[in-house]
Amino acid sequence: MAAEDSKWYYDLSTGEVSQGKTSGFENRMGPYDTEEQARKAIEIAAARTEVADDWDEDED
């Protein structure tokens, strides 16, 4: 089994979480180490975006 087959992914089109790459890259977020992290993919992405936006504002 490949390492990415044991990772978890969030499918943007369905909102479902799966282990392994079951959807195309255009709808897939991840990889995440745990199912719980994958279920929080949207929250994690939003937090990372906020940090990056704050950094951009500090640079301006």
N, C-alpha and C. Protein backbone atom coordinates (compact mmCIF):
# COMPACT_ATOMS: atom_id res chain seq x y z
N MET A 1 0.85 -1.18 0.00
CA MET A 1 0.00 0.00 0.00
C MET A 1 0.89 1.24 0.00
N ALA A 2 0.58 2.19 -0.86
CA ALA A 2 1.31 3.45 -0.92
C ALA A 2 0.97 4.30 0.29
N ALA A 3 1.91 5.15 0.67
CA ALA A 3 1.71 5.99 1.86
C ALA A 3 0.46 6.86 1.75
N GLU A 4 0.18 7.38 0.55
CA GLU A 4 -0.99 8.26 0.42
C GLU A 4 -2.31 7.50 0.53
N ASP A 5 -2.28 6.19 0.38
CA ASP A 5 -3.49 5.38 0.53
C ASP A 5 -3.95 5.33 1.99
N SER A 6 -3.05 5.59 2.92
CA SER A 6 -3.42 5.57 4.33
C SER A 6 -3.79 6.96 4.84
N LYS A 7 -3.62 7.97 4.00
CA LYS A 7 -3.96 9.35 4.38
C LYS A 7 -5.45 9.59 4.14
N TRP A 8 -5.94 10.67 4.73
CA TRP A 8 -7.35 11.03 4.64
C TRP A 8 -7.52 12.27 3.77
N TYR A 9 -8.64 12.32 3.06
CA TYR A 9 -8.92 13.42 2.13
C TYR A 9 -10.36 13.89 2.29
N TYR A 10 -10.56 15.17 2.00
CA TYR A 10 -11.89 15.78 2.03
C TYR A 10 -12.30 16.06 0.59
N ASP A 11 -13.48 15.64 0.20
CA ASP A 11 -14.00 15.86 -1.15
C ASP A 11 -14.89 17.10 -1.14
N LEU A 12 -14.45 18.15 -1.82
CA LEU A 12 -15.19 19.41 -1.85
C LEU A 12 -16.56 19.29 -2.51
N SER A 13 -16.69 18.42 -3.48
CA SER A 13 -17.97 18.33 -4.21
C SER A 13 -19.04 17.58 -3.42
N THR A 14 -18.64 16.66 -2.55
CA THR A 14 -19.62 15.88 -1.81
C THR A 14 -19.62 16.17 -0.31
N GLY A 15 -18.51 16.75 0.19
CA GLY A 15 -18.38 17.00 1.62
C GLY A 15 -18.02 15.74 2.39
N GLU A 16 -17.68 14.68 1.67
CA GLU A 16 -17.35 13.41 2.32
C GLU A 16 -15.85 13.28 2.54
N VAL A 17 -15.51 12.47 3.53
CA VAL A 17 -14.12 12.19 3.87
C VAL A 17 -13.84 10.75 3.50
N SER A 18 -12.66 10.51 2.93
CA SER A 18 -12.30 9.15 2.56
C SER A 18 -10.82 8.90 2.83
N GLN A 19 -10.51 7.65 2.97
CA GLN A 19 -9.12 7.26 3.14
C GLN A 19 -8.61 6.83 1.78
N GLY A 20 -7.53 7.48 1.34
CA GLY A 20 -7.00 7.24 0.01
C GLY A 20 -7.60 8.23 -0.99
N LYS A 21 -6.97 8.33 -2.13
CA LYS A 21 -7.40 9.27 -3.17
C LYS A 21 -8.55 8.65 -3.96
N THR A 22 -9.77 9.05 -3.62
CA THR A 22 -10.94 8.49 -4.30
C THR A 22 -11.58 9.47 -5.25
N SER A 23 -11.16 10.72 -5.23
CA SER A 23 -11.73 11.70 -6.15
C SER A 23 -10.59 12.42 -6.86
N GLY A 24 -10.95 13.13 -7.92
CA GLY A 24 -9.95 13.86 -8.69
C GLY A 24 -9.35 15.00 -7.89
N PHE A 25 -8.16 15.43 -8.29
CA PHE A 25 -7.44 16.46 -7.54
C PHE A 25 -8.19 17.78 -7.48
N GLU A 26 -9.04 18.06 -8.46
CA GLU A 26 -9.74 19.34 -8.48
C GLU A 26 -10.80 19.45 -7.37
N ASN A 27 -11.21 18.34 -6.80
CA ASN A 27 -12.21 18.35 -5.72
C ASN A 27 -11.67 17.83 -4.39
N ARG A 28 -10.37 17.56 -4.34
CA ARG A 28 -9.80 16.88 -3.18
C ARG A 28 -8.91 17.82 -2.36
N MET A 29 -9.12 17.82 -1.04
CA MET A 29 -8.25 18.54 -0.12
C MET A 29 -7.52 17.51 0.73
N GLY A 30 -6.25 17.71 0.94
CA GLY A 30 -5.47 16.80 1.76
C GLY A 30 -4.12 16.58 1.15
N PRO A 31 -3.37 15.72 1.68
CA PRO A 31 -3.73 14.67 2.62
C PRO A 31 -3.67 15.15 4.07
N TYR A 32 -4.45 14.47 4.89
CA TYR A 32 -4.46 14.68 6.34
C TYR A 32 -4.10 13.36 7.01
N ASP A 33 -3.48 13.45 8.16
CA ASP A 33 -3.05 12.24 8.87
C ASP A 33 -4.19 11.49 9.52
N THR A 34 -5.27 12.21 9.88
CA THR A 34 -6.38 11.57 10.57
C THR A 34 -7.70 11.92 9.89
N GLU A 35 -8.69 11.09 10.16
CA GLU A 35 -10.04 11.36 9.64
C GLU A 35 -10.58 12.65 10.23
N GLU A 36 -10.32 12.89 11.50
CA GLU A 36 -10.80 14.10 12.16
C GLU A 36 -10.24 15.36 11.49
N GLN A 37 -8.96 15.34 11.16
CA GLN A 37 -8.37 16.49 10.48
C GLN A 37 -9.03 16.69 9.12
N ALA A 38 -9.28 15.62 8.40
CA ALA A 38 -9.92 15.74 7.09
C ALA A 38 -11.32 16.32 7.21
N ARG A 39 -12.04 15.94 8.26
CA ARG A 39 -13.39 16.49 8.47
C ARG A 39 -13.36 17.99 8.75
N LYS A 40 -12.23 18.48 9.23
CA LYS A 40 -12.06 19.90 9.53
C LYS A 40 -11.30 20.63 8.43
N ALA A 41 -11.24 20.06 7.24
CA ALA A 41 -10.44 20.61 6.15
C ALA A 41 -10.80 22.06 5.84
N ILE A 42 -12.07 22.37 5.79
CA ILE A 42 -12.51 23.73 5.47
C ILE A 42 -12.06 24.69 6.56
N GLU A 43 -12.21 24.29 7.83
CA GLU A 43 -11.79 25.14 8.95
C GLU A 43 -10.27 25.35 8.93
N ILE A 44 -9.53 24.29 8.66
CA ILE A 44 -8.07 24.39 8.60
C ILE A 44 -7.65 25.34 7.47
N ALA A 45 -8.27 25.21 6.31
CA ALA A 45 -7.95 26.08 5.18
C ALA A 45 -8.29 27.53 5.49
N ALA A 46 -9.43 27.77 6.14
CA ALA A 46 -9.83 29.14 6.48
C ALA A 46 -8.84 29.75 7.47
N ALA A 47 -8.40 28.98 8.45
CA ALA A 47 -7.43 29.48 9.43
C ALA A 47 -6.10 29.81 8.76
N ARG A 48 -5.66 28.95 7.85
CA ARG A 48 -4.40 29.20 7.14
C ARG A 48 -4.51 30.43 6.26
N THR A 49 -5.66 30.62 5.63
CA THR A 49 -5.88 31.80 4.79
C THR A 49 -5.84 33.06 5.63
N GLU A 50 -6.45 33.03 6.80
CA GLU A 50 -6.45 34.18 7.70
C GLU A 50 -5.02 34.55 8.12
N VAL A 51 -4.23 33.55 8.45
CA VAL A 51 -2.84 33.80 8.84
C VAL A 51 -2.08 34.43 7.67
N ALA A 52 -2.27 33.88 6.47
CA ALA A 52 -1.59 34.42 5.29
C ALA A 52 -2.04 35.84 4.99
N ASP A 53 -3.34 36.11 5.12
CA ASP A 53 -3.85 37.46 4.89
C ASP A 53 -3.27 38.45 5.89
N ASP A 54 -3.18 38.04 7.16
CA ASP A 54 -2.57 38.90 8.18
C ASP A 54 -1.11 39.18 7.85
N TRP A 55 -0.39 38.17 7.39
CA TRP A 55 1.01 38.34 7.02
C TRP A 55 1.13 39.32 5.86
N ASP A 56 0.23 39.18 4.85
CA ASP A 56 0.25 40.09 3.70
C ASP A 56 0.01 41.52 4.14
N GLU A 57 -0.93 41.72 5.05
CA GLU A 57 -1.23 43.08 5.53
C GLU A 57 -0.03 43.66 6.26
N ASP A 58 0.67 42.84 7.03
CA ASP A 58 1.86 43.31 7.74
C ASP A 58 2.96 43.69 6.77
N GLU A 59 3.05 43.01 5.64
CA GLU A 59 4.09 43.30 4.64
C GLU A 59 3.81 44.56 3.86
N ASP A 60 2.54 44.96 3.77
CA ASP A 60 2.18 46.15 2.98
C ASP A 60 2.49 47.39 3.70
